[in-house]
Protein backbone atom coordinates (compact mmCIF):
# COMPACT_ATOMS: atom_id res chain seq x y z
CA UNK A 1 43.67 -110.93 122.20
CA UNK A 2 44.54 -107.28 121.68
CA UNK A 3 44.07 -105.93 118.16
CA UNK A 4 45.62 -102.80 116.67
CA UNK A 5 45.20 -101.52 113.11
CA UNK A 6 48.32 -101.94 110.97
CA UNK A 7 48.68 -98.15 110.87
CA UNK A 8 49.29 -98.03 114.66
CA UNK A 9 52.89 -99.24 114.33
CA UNK A 10 55.23 -101.24 112.13
CA UNK A 11 55.29 -105.00 112.63
CA UNK A 12 58.75 -104.75 114.22
CA UNK A 13 57.70 -101.99 116.64
CA UNK A 14 54.57 -103.91 117.63
CA UNK A 15 56.58 -107.10 118.18
CA UNK A 16 59.12 -105.24 120.30
CA UNK A 17 56.41 -103.55 122.37
CA UNK A 18 54.53 -106.81 122.85
CA UNK A 19 57.66 -108.66 123.99
CA UNK A 20 58.47 -105.91 126.48
CA UNK A 21 54.87 -106.01 127.74
CA UNK A 22 55.02 -109.78 128.31
CA UNK A 23 52.84 -110.98 125.42
CA UNK A 24 53.09 -114.52 124.07
CA UNK A 25 52.69 -113.85 120.34
CA UNK A 26 52.11 -111.18 117.70
CA UNK A 27 50.63 -111.84 114.28
CA UNK A 28 50.85 -108.91 111.86
CA UNK A 29 49.47 -108.54 108.36
CA UNK A 30 48.48 -105.68 106.04
CA UNK A 31 45.33 -104.94 108.04
CA UNK A 32 46.13 -105.43 111.71
CA UNK A 33 48.35 -106.63 114.54
CA UNK A 34 46.93 -109.31 116.85
CA UNK A 35 48.71 -109.64 120.16
CA UNK A 36 47.99 -112.67 122.34
CA UNK A 37 48.96 -113.34 125.92
CA UNK A 38 48.14 -115.67 128.78
CA UNK A 39 44.84 -114.76 130.46
CA UNK A 40 46.59 -113.80 133.69
CA UNK A 41 48.83 -111.33 131.77
CA UNK A 42 46.07 -109.81 129.65
CA UNK A 43 45.49 -106.60 131.60
CA UNK A 44 49.19 -105.85 132.10
CA UNK A 45 49.93 -106.41 128.40
CA UNK A 46 46.93 -104.35 127.32
CA UNK A 47 47.88 -101.44 129.59
CA UNK A 48 51.53 -101.48 128.47
CA UNK A 49 50.58 -101.53 124.78
CA UNK A 50 47.98 -98.82 125.29
CA UNK A 51 50.58 -96.59 126.95
CA UNK A 52 52.92 -97.09 123.98
CA UNK A 53 50.57 -97.25 120.96
CA UNK A 54 47.31 -95.70 122.20
CA UNK A 55 43.95 -97.42 122.64
CA UNK A 56 43.57 -100.75 120.81
CA UNK A 57 40.92 -101.45 118.19
CA UNK A 58 39.71 -104.23 120.45
CA UNK A 59 40.90 -105.99 123.59
CA UNK A 60 39.09 -109.04 124.87
CA UNK A 61 39.53 -112.49 126.28
CA UNK A 62 39.41 -114.86 123.34
CA UNK A 63 39.42 -118.64 123.66
CA UNK A 64 41.48 -120.41 121.02
CA UNK A 65 41.98 -124.16 120.68
CA UNK A 66 45.40 -125.61 121.35
CA UNK A 67 44.80 -128.40 118.83
CA UNK A 68 42.70 -128.51 115.68
CA UNK A 69 41.22 -131.29 113.59
CA UNK A 70 41.49 -131.35 109.78
CA UNK A 71 38.20 -132.40 108.21
CA UNK A 72 37.65 -134.35 105.01
CA UNK A 73 34.88 -133.39 102.57
CA UNK A 74 32.15 -135.53 104.16
CA UNK A 75 32.83 -134.41 107.73
CA UNK A 76 33.33 -130.79 106.68
CA UNK A 77 29.90 -130.76 105.03
CA UNK A 78 28.30 -132.18 108.20
CA UNK A 79 30.07 -129.73 110.52
CA UNK A 80 29.24 -126.72 108.35
CA UNK A 81 25.60 -127.81 108.23
CA UNK A 82 25.56 -128.10 112.04
CA UNK A 83 27.12 -124.65 112.45
CA UNK A 84 24.52 -123.13 110.11
CA UNK A 85 21.72 -124.66 112.20
CA UNK A 86 23.30 -123.39 115.43
CA UNK A 87 23.81 -119.89 113.98
CA UNK A 88 20.14 -119.75 112.98
CA UNK A 89 18.98 -120.57 116.51
CA UNK A 90 17.99 -117.55 118.60
CA UNK A 91 19.11 -119.39 121.74
CA UNK A 92 22.75 -119.71 120.59
CA UNK A 93 24.94 -116.67 121.18
CA UNK A 94 28.37 -117.98 120.05
CA UNK A 95 29.71 -121.05 118.30
CA UNK A 96 33.30 -122.18 118.87
CA UNK A 97 35.10 -124.97 117.06
CA UNK A 98 38.56 -126.43 116.60
CA UNK A 99 38.47 -127.69 113.01
CA UNK A 100 40.42 -126.85 109.89
CA UNK A 101 39.04 -127.31 106.40
CA UNK A 102 41.65 -127.47 103.61
CA UNK A 103 41.17 -124.96 100.78
CA UNK A 104 40.57 -127.72 98.21
CA UNK A 105 37.73 -129.18 100.31
CA UNK A 106 36.20 -125.70 100.84
CA UNK A 107 36.23 -125.08 97.09
CA UNK A 108 34.41 -128.38 96.46
CA UNK A 109 31.80 -127.55 99.09
CA UNK A 110 31.34 -124.00 97.75
CA UNK A 111 30.72 -125.16 94.18
């Protein structure tokens, strides 16, 4: 994942540059552009974008799930509790997951 601030380029310019560089996807919003590519293309895409737009805000290998699981209220509460315990452990450096919690369920759990 290669991240540029939104001020680095317009969404159209970033998309065009990413396509030319060989990236897989670009997601742009008001704050930033996130460019993703296959791991084997990462360095070539990063170098091409850096030559066109300057140094990125961040550029790193980022593992993202290809599928995600939608959780109901009971399972979401259990998973969030587990993640809190793992985050509190000094032995755990990173926690990765492939779940999605609907907004309505998150609001119930936050109340």
